[in-house]
C-alpha cells in the first residue's frame, strides 16, 4: 500500500518540476518564451564580449 502512494507522490513531484510555471494560457507561455529568448541573447552577447569575439574577425567575409 505504501509503494503506490510513494510512486504517486514522486510522479506528482516530477510533473511539478517539469511543468514549472508553464500553463495552458498561450499568452502567459509566450511571455515566458520571449523572456527566455531575451535572456539567452544577453548571455550570448556577454560571452562574446568576454571572449573578445563581439566584433567580427578581420578574416571573415562579413
Protein backbone atom coordinates (compact mmCIF):
# COMPACT_ATOMS: atom_id res chain seq x y z
CA UNK A 1 0.00 0.00 0.00
CA UNK A 2 2.86 2.38 0.76
CA UNK A 3 4.63 1.83 -2.57
CA UNK A 4 1.72 3.06 -4.78
CA UNK A 5 1.36 6.15 -2.61
CA UNK A 6 5.09 6.80 -2.80
CA UNK A 7 5.04 6.36 -6.58
CA UNK A 8 2.12 8.77 -6.88
CA UNK A 9 3.91 11.41 -4.80
CA UNK A 10 7.11 11.02 -6.83
CA UNK A 11 5.12 11.28 -10.07
CA UNK A 12 3.41 14.48 -8.90
CA UNK A 13 6.73 15.99 -7.84
CA UNK A 14 8.30 15.17 -11.21
CA UNK A 15 5.35 16.70 -13.05
CA UNK A 16 5.58 19.86 -10.95
CA UNK A 17 9.31 20.21 -11.65
CA UNK A 18 8.92 19.55 -15.37
CA UNK A 19 5.97 21.86 -15.92
CA UNK A 20 7.38 24.77 -13.91
CA UNK A 21 5.26 27.84 -14.50
CA UNK A 22 4.00 26.82 -17.94
CA UNK A 23 0.24 26.76 -18.14
CA UNK A 24 -2.45 26.23 -20.74
CA UNK A 25 -2.61 30.00 -21.27
CA UNK A 26 -0.85 30.70 -24.58
CA UNK A 27 -0.10 34.36 -23.90
CA UNK A 28 1.40 33.53 -20.49
CA UNK A 29 3.65 30.91 -22.08
CA UNK A 30 4.58 33.31 -24.89
CA UNK A 31 5.73 35.84 -22.27
CA UNK A 32 7.97 33.18 -20.73
CA UNK A 33 9.38 32.26 -24.15
CA UNK A 34 10.08 35.91 -25.02
CA UNK A 35 11.87 36.44 -21.70
CA UNK A 36 13.92 33.28 -22.24
CA UNK A 37 14.94 34.37 -25.76
CA UNK A 38 15.90 37.82 -24.45
CA UNK A 39 17.97 36.30 -21.62
CA UNK A 40 19.72 33.89 -23.99
CA UNK A 41 20.54 36.76 -26.36
CA UNK A 42 22.01 38.78 -23.50
CA UNK A 43 24.01 35.75 -22.36
CA UNK A 44 25.35 35.26 -25.88
CA UNK A 45 26.47 38.90 -26.06
CA UNK A 46 28.12 38.66 -22.64
CA UNK A 47 30.04 35.51 -23.60
CA UNK A 48 31.10 37.06 -26.91
CA UNK A 49 32.39 40.20 -25.19
CA UNK A 50 34.18 38.11 -22.55
CA UNK A 51 35.91 36.02 -25.21
CA UNK A 52 36.67 39.07 -27.33
CA UNK A 53 34.60 37.88 -30.26
CA UNK A 54 31.93 40.58 -30.12
CA UNK A 55 33.31 42.17 -33.28
CA UNK A 56 33.62 40.16 -36.50
CA UNK A 57 37.09 38.92 -37.29
CA UNK A 58 39.07 40.71 -39.99
CA UNK A 59 39.48 37.31 -41.63
CA UNK A 60 35.73 36.77 -42.03
CA UNK A 61 33.70 37.80 -45.07
CA UNK A 62 31.29 39.92 -43.07
